[in-house]
Amino acid sequence: MDPLSPPPATRAIPPRQPAVGFVRTDISGPDAERHAREIQRYAWRNGFRLLYTVRPPLDHDDPIGYALGLAAGLDVPVIVVFDLAHVDNRPELVCDDFDLVTVCPPQTWARTSAVGW
């Protein structure tokens, strides 16, 4: 094989979209570890690259705001939660700036702000 020839054709692997997981221990209780693992598995199976799983301190006044701030700092477009209870059953709290994905039931809420407009 000629060292200057291009490498053999390979199947391109599409890049995975970055995401942040969000688990509230006050909601998940003793299932928090399991929920974090299920978020990780779900994210991987659905084409996301989970950068971090946010677990706000139990005594934090605004756990949702805590997660949104961290996600904004990491500049991710997606937040993955186990279920809507983690966002107080209000996806609109997240969807101003992020897509919201739930594991149970599997559903996606698209962000409402226009990105890059």
N, C-alpha and C. Protein backbone atom coordinates (compact mmCIF):
# COMPACT_ATOMS: atom_id res chain seq x y z
N MET A 1 0.84 -1.18 0.00
CA MET A 1 0.00 0.00 0.00
C MET A 1 0.89 1.24 0.00
N ASP A 2 0.56 2.17 -0.84
CA ASP A 2 1.30 3.41 -0.96
C ASP A 2 1.04 4.29 0.26
N PRO A 3 2.10 4.74 0.97
CA PRO A 3 1.88 5.55 2.18
C PRO A 3 1.23 6.90 1.89
N LEU A 4 1.25 7.35 0.65
CA LEU A 4 0.64 8.64 0.32
C LEU A 4 -0.80 8.51 -0.16
N SER A 5 -1.26 7.29 -0.34
CA SER A 5 -2.64 7.11 -0.80
C SER A 5 -3.60 7.34 0.37
N PRO A 6 -4.82 7.77 0.05
CA PRO A 6 -5.79 8.01 1.13
C PRO A 6 -6.15 6.69 1.82
N PRO A 7 -6.56 6.76 3.08
CA PRO A 7 -6.95 5.54 3.79
C PRO A 7 -8.17 4.92 3.14
N PRO A 8 -8.37 3.62 3.35
CA PRO A 8 -9.55 2.98 2.78
C PRO A 8 -10.82 3.64 3.30
N ALA A 9 -11.85 3.60 2.48
CA ALA A 9 -13.12 4.20 2.86
C ALA A 9 -13.67 3.52 4.11
N THR A 10 -14.12 4.32 5.02
CA THR A 10 -14.75 3.78 6.23
C THR A 10 -16.11 4.43 6.37
N ARG A 11 -16.95 3.75 7.06
CA ARG A 11 -18.29 4.30 7.30
C ARG A 11 -18.18 5.43 8.32
N ALA A 12 -18.68 6.57 7.97
CA ALA A 12 -18.63 7.72 8.87
C ALA A 12 -19.60 7.50 10.02
N ILE A 13 -19.12 7.78 11.20
CA ILE A 13 -19.96 7.68 12.38
C ILE A 13 -20.44 9.09 12.72
N PRO A 14 -21.74 9.30 12.74
CA PRO A 14 -22.23 10.65 13.02
C PRO A 14 -21.86 11.06 14.45
N PRO A 15 -21.54 12.33 14.64
CA PRO A 15 -21.19 12.79 15.99
C PRO A 15 -22.39 12.71 16.91
N ARG A 16 -22.13 12.45 18.16
CA ARG A 16 -23.20 12.39 19.16
C ARG A 16 -23.45 13.79 19.71
N GLN A 17 -24.72 14.13 19.87
CA GLN A 17 -25.10 15.43 20.40
C GLN A 17 -24.82 15.46 21.91
N PRO A 18 -24.12 16.49 22.39
CA PRO A 18 -23.82 16.55 23.83
C PRO A 18 -25.09 16.80 24.64
N ALA A 19 -25.12 16.24 25.83
CA ALA A 19 -26.27 16.38 26.71
C ALA A 19 -25.81 16.33 28.16
N VAL A 20 -26.69 16.79 29.04
CA VAL A 20 -26.47 16.72 30.48
C VAL A 20 -27.64 15.95 31.08
N GLY A 21 -27.34 15.03 31.99
CA GLY A 21 -28.38 14.34 32.74
C GLY A 21 -28.73 15.15 33.98
N PHE A 22 -29.92 14.95 34.50
CA PHE A 22 -30.38 15.69 35.68
C PHE A 22 -31.17 14.75 36.58
N VAL A 23 -30.65 14.52 37.79
CA VAL A 23 -31.31 13.65 38.76
C VAL A 23 -31.48 14.43 40.06
N ARG A 24 -32.71 14.50 40.53
CA ARG A 24 -32.98 15.13 41.82
C ARG A 24 -33.17 14.02 42.86
N THR A 25 -32.30 14.00 43.83
CA THR A 25 -32.38 12.98 44.88
C THR A 25 -33.67 13.13 45.68
N ASP A 26 -34.17 14.37 45.82
CA ASP A 26 -35.42 14.56 46.55
C ASP A 26 -36.61 13.96 45.81
N ILE A 27 -36.48 13.76 44.50
CA ILE A 27 -37.54 13.15 43.70
C ILE A 27 -37.30 11.64 43.56
N SER A 28 -36.07 11.27 43.20
CA SER A 28 -35.76 9.85 42.96
C SER A 28 -35.60 9.04 44.23
N GLY A 29 -35.22 9.70 45.33
CA GLY A 29 -35.03 8.99 46.59
C GLY A 29 -34.02 7.87 46.46
N PRO A 30 -34.35 6.68 46.98
CA PRO A 30 -33.39 5.58 46.92
C PRO A 30 -33.13 5.06 45.51
N ASP A 31 -33.91 5.50 44.54
CA ASP A 31 -33.71 5.08 43.15
C ASP A 31 -32.80 6.03 42.37
N ALA A 32 -32.20 7.00 43.02
CA ALA A 32 -31.39 8.01 42.33
C ALA A 32 -30.25 7.39 41.52
N GLU A 33 -29.56 6.42 42.08
CA GLU A 33 -28.46 5.78 41.33
C GLU A 33 -28.98 5.04 40.10
N ARG A 34 -30.08 4.33 40.27
CA ARG A 34 -30.67 3.61 39.14
C ARG A 34 -31.14 4.58 38.08
N HIS A 35 -31.77 5.67 38.48
CA HIS A 35 -32.23 6.66 37.51
C HIS A 35 -31.05 7.26 36.75
N ALA A 36 -29.95 7.53 37.44
CA ALA A 36 -28.76 8.07 36.76
C ALA A 36 -28.23 7.07 35.73
N ARG A 37 -28.20 5.79 36.08
CA ARG A 37 -27.74 4.77 35.12
C ARG A 37 -28.69 4.65 33.93
N GLU A 38 -29.99 4.73 34.19
CA GLU A 38 -30.95 4.63 33.10
C GLU A 38 -30.87 5.85 32.18
N ILE A 39 -30.61 7.01 32.73
CA ILE A 39 -30.40 8.20 31.91
C ILE A 39 -29.18 8.00 31.03
N GLN A 40 -28.11 7.49 31.60
CA GLN A 40 -26.88 7.26 30.84
C GLN A 40 -27.12 6.27 29.70
N ARG A 41 -27.77 5.15 29.99
CA ARG A 41 -28.06 4.16 28.95
C ARG A 41 -28.97 4.72 27.87
N TYR A 42 -30.01 5.41 28.29
CA TYR A 42 -30.96 5.98 27.33
C TYR A 42 -30.27 6.99 26.43
N ALA A 43 -29.45 7.84 27.02
CA ALA A 43 -28.73 8.85 26.24
C ALA A 43 -27.85 8.17 25.19
N TRP A 44 -27.10 7.16 25.60
CA TRP A 44 -26.21 6.48 24.66
C TRP A 44 -26.99 5.83 23.52
N ARG A 45 -28.05 5.11 23.86
CA ARG A 45 -28.85 4.42 22.84
C ARG A 45 -29.51 5.39 21.85
N ASN A 46 -29.71 6.63 22.27
CA ASN A 46 -30.43 7.58 21.43
C ASN A 46 -29.53 8.66 20.83
N GLY A 47 -28.24 8.39 20.80
CA GLY A 47 -27.33 9.26 20.06
C GLY A 47 -26.81 10.48 20.79
N PHE A 48 -26.92 10.48 22.11
CA PHE A 48 -26.39 11.61 22.88
C PHE A 48 -25.06 11.24 23.50
N ARG A 49 -24.24 12.24 23.73
CA ARG A 49 -22.98 12.08 24.47
C ARG A 49 -23.18 12.77 25.81
N LEU A 50 -23.45 11.99 26.84
CA LEU A 50 -23.73 12.53 28.16
C LEU A 50 -22.43 13.04 28.78
N LEU A 51 -22.35 14.35 28.96
CA LEU A 51 -21.13 14.95 29.49
C LEU A 51 -21.07 14.87 31.01
N TYR A 52 -22.23 14.93 31.65
CA TYR A 52 -22.27 15.05 33.10
C TYR A 52 -23.68 14.76 33.57
N THR A 53 -23.82 14.24 34.78
CA THR A 53 -25.13 14.10 35.39
C THR A 53 -25.19 15.03 36.60
N VAL A 54 -26.07 16.00 36.53
CA VAL A 54 -26.22 17.01 37.57
C VAL A 54 -27.04 16.43 38.71
N ARG A 55 -26.53 16.59 39.92
CA ARG A 55 -27.27 16.21 41.12
C ARG A 55 -27.19 17.36 42.12
N PRO A 56 -28.16 18.26 42.07
CA PRO A 56 -28.11 19.42 42.96
C PRO A 56 -28.10 18.99 44.43
N PRO A 57 -27.47 19.80 45.28
CA PRO A 57 -27.52 19.50 46.72
C PRO A 57 -28.97 19.46 47.20
N LEU A 58 -29.25 18.60 48.15
CA LEU A 58 -30.62 18.45 48.66
C LEU A 58 -31.18 19.76 49.23
N ASP A 59 -30.31 20.59 49.77
CA ASP A 59 -30.79 21.81 50.41
C ASP A 59 -30.81 23.02 49.46
N HIS A 60 -30.58 22.80 48.18
CA HIS A 60 -30.57 23.91 47.23
C HIS A 60 -31.98 24.43 47.01
N ASP A 61 -32.14 25.75 47.03
CA ASP A 61 -33.47 26.37 46.88
C ASP A 61 -34.09 26.17 45.51
N ASP A 62 -33.25 26.09 44.47
CA ASP A 62 -33.75 25.99 43.10
C ASP A 62 -32.98 24.91 42.34
N PRO A 63 -33.32 23.63 42.56
CA PRO A 63 -32.56 22.56 41.91
C PRO A 63 -32.66 22.60 40.38
N ILE A 64 -33.78 23.04 39.85
CA ILE A 64 -33.92 23.11 38.39
C ILE A 64 -33.01 24.22 37.86
N GLY A 65 -33.02 25.37 38.49
CA GLY A 65 -32.14 26.46 38.09
C GLY A 65 -30.67 26.07 38.19
N TYR A 66 -30.35 25.28 39.20
CA TYR A 66 -28.98 24.78 39.38
C TYR A 66 -28.56 23.96 38.15
N ALA A 67 -29.43 23.06 37.73
CA ALA A 67 -29.14 22.21 36.57
C ALA A 67 -29.08 23.04 35.28
N LEU A 68 -29.99 24.00 35.12
CA LEU A 68 -30.00 24.83 33.93
C LEU A 68 -28.72 25.66 33.83
N GLY A 69 -28.25 26.16 34.96
CA GLY A 69 -27.02 26.94 34.97
C GLY A 69 -25.82 26.10 34.57
N LEU A 70 -25.76 24.89 35.09
CA LEU A 70 -24.64 24.01 34.73
C LEU A 70 -24.71 23.63 33.25
N ALA A 71 -25.89 23.33 32.76
CA ALA A 71 -26.05 22.97 31.34
C ALA A 71 -25.67 24.15 30.44
N ALA A 72 -26.06 25.35 30.84
CA ALA A 72 -25.70 26.53 30.05
C ALA A 72 -24.18 26.73 30.05
N GLY A 73 -23.56 26.51 31.20
CA GLY A 73 -22.11 26.64 31.29
C GLY A 73 -21.37 25.64 30.41
N LEU A 74 -21.94 24.47 30.25
CA LEU A 74 -21.34 23.44 29.39
C LEU A 74 -21.75 23.60 27.93
N ASP A 75 -22.68 24.53 27.67
CA ASP A 75 -23.15 24.83 26.33
C ASP A 75 -23.71 23.59 25.63
N VAL A 76 -24.55 22.85 26.35
CA VAL A 76 -25.19 21.67 25.76
C VAL A 76 -26.60 22.05 25.31
N PRO A 77 -27.10 21.38 24.28
CA PRO A 77 -28.44 21.69 23.80
C PRO A 77 -29.55 20.84 24.44
N VAL A 78 -29.17 19.78 25.18
CA VAL A 78 -30.16 18.80 25.65
C VAL A 78 -29.96 18.49 27.13
N ILE A 79 -31.08 18.39 27.84
CA ILE A 79 -31.08 17.91 29.23
C ILE A 79 -31.93 16.65 29.26
N VAL A 80 -31.39 15.59 29.87
CA VAL A 80 -32.09 14.30 29.95
C VAL A 80 -32.46 14.05 31.40
N VAL A 81 -33.73 13.76 31.66
CA VAL A 81 -34.22 13.45 33.00
C VAL A 81 -34.90 12.09 32.98
N PHE A 82 -35.06 11.50 34.16
CA PHE A 82 -35.75 10.22 34.21
C PHE A 82 -37.23 10.40 33.88
N ASP A 83 -37.86 11.38 34.52
CA ASP A 83 -39.27 11.67 34.25
C ASP A 83 -39.55 13.14 34.51
N LEU A 84 -40.75 13.57 34.19
CA LEU A 84 -41.10 14.99 34.33
C LEU A 84 -41.13 15.48 35.77
N ALA A 85 -41.25 14.58 36.73
CA ALA A 85 -41.23 15.00 38.13
C ALA A 85 -39.95 15.76 38.47
N HIS A 86 -38.86 15.45 37.77
CA HIS A 86 -37.58 16.11 38.04
C HIS A 86 -37.58 17.58 37.63
N VAL A 87 -38.53 17.98 36.78
CA VAL A 87 -38.69 19.39 36.42
C VAL A 87 -40.06 19.89 36.89
N ASP A 88 -40.51 19.34 38.01
CA ASP A 88 -41.78 19.71 38.62
C ASP A 88 -42.96 19.61 37.64
N ASN A 89 -42.91 18.61 36.74
CA ASN A 89 -43.95 18.38 35.74
C ASN A 89 -44.20 19.60 34.87
N ARG A 90 -43.15 20.40 34.66
CA ARG A 90 -43.26 21.62 33.87
C ARG A 90 -42.11 21.70 32.86
N PRO A 91 -42.24 21.01 31.73
CA PRO A 91 -41.15 21.03 30.75
C PRO A 91 -40.81 22.44 30.26
N GLU A 92 -41.79 23.36 30.33
CA GLU A 92 -41.53 24.72 29.87
C GLU A 92 -40.43 25.41 30.68
N LEU A 93 -40.15 24.93 31.90
CA LEU A 93 -39.06 25.50 32.69
C LEU A 93 -37.70 25.26 32.03
N VAL A 94 -37.60 24.22 31.26
CA VAL A 94 -36.35 23.84 30.61
C VAL A 94 -36.31 24.30 29.15
N CYS A 95 -37.46 24.26 28.50
CA CYS A 95 -37.51 24.38 27.04
C CYS A 95 -37.33 25.79 26.49
N ASP A 96 -37.13 26.78 27.34
CA ASP A 96 -36.78 28.09 26.80
C ASP A 96 -35.42 28.03 26.12
N ASP A 97 -34.51 27.22 26.67
CA ASP A 97 -33.14 27.21 26.16
C ASP A 97 -32.59 25.83 25.80
N PHE A 98 -33.30 24.76 26.15
CA PHE A 98 -32.79 23.41 25.94
C PHE A 98 -33.89 22.51 25.42
N ASP A 99 -33.50 21.44 24.73
CA ASP A 99 -34.42 20.35 24.47
C ASP A 99 -34.48 19.54 25.76
N LEU A 100 -35.64 19.01 26.08
CA LEU A 100 -35.80 18.17 27.26
C LEU A 100 -36.18 16.77 26.81
N VAL A 101 -35.47 15.78 27.32
CA VAL A 101 -35.73 14.39 26.98
C VAL A 101 -36.02 13.63 28.27
N THR A 102 -37.12 12.86 28.27
CA THR A 102 -37.43 12.02 29.42
C THR A 102 -37.21 10.56 29.04
N VAL A 103 -36.74 9.80 30.03
CA VAL A 103 -36.53 8.37 29.86
C VAL A 103 -37.85 7.63 30.00
N CYS A 104 -38.65 8.05 30.98
CA CYS A 104 -39.89 7.35 31.29
C CYS A 104 -41.04 8.35 31.43
N PRO A 105 -41.95 8.42 30.50
CA PRO A 105 -41.96 7.72 29.22
C PRO A 105 -40.97 8.40 28.27
N PRO A 106 -40.49 7.65 27.28
CA PRO A 106 -39.54 8.23 26.33
C PRO A 106 -40.23 9.32 25.50
N GLN A 107 -39.79 10.56 25.72
CA GLN A 107 -40.42 11.68 25.03
C GLN A 107 -39.42 12.83 24.94
N THR A 108 -39.61 13.68 23.92
CA THR A 108 -38.75 14.85 23.74
C THR A 108 -39.61 16.09 23.62
N TRP A 109 -39.20 17.14 24.33
CA TRP A 109 -39.81 18.45 24.20
C TRP A 109 -38.75 19.36 23.59
N ALA A 110 -39.07 19.97 22.46
CA ALA A 110 -38.11 20.83 21.76
C ALA A 110 -38.04 22.20 22.42
N ARG A 111 -36.86 22.78 22.37
CA ARG A 111 -36.70 24.14 22.93
C ARG A 111 -37.55 25.12 22.15
N THR A 112 -37.95 26.17 22.81
CA THR A 112 -38.82 27.16 22.18
C THR A 112 -38.05 28.34 21.63
N SER A 113 -36.83 28.58 22.10
CA SER A 113 -36.06 29.71 21.58
C SER A 113 -35.40 29.32 20.27
N ALA A 114 -35.29 30.25 19.38
CA ALA A 114 -34.64 30.02 18.10
C ALA A 114 -33.14 30.14 18.28
N VAL A 115 -32.43 29.07 18.03
CA VAL A 115 -30.98 29.06 18.21
C VAL A 115 -30.34 29.65 16.97
N GLY A 116 -29.44 30.61 17.19
CA GLY A 116 -28.69 31.19 16.09
C GLY A 116 -29.48 32.14 15.21
N TRP A 117 -30.61 32.64 15.67
CA TRP A 117 -31.40 33.57 14.85
C TRP A 117 -31.15 34.97 15.30
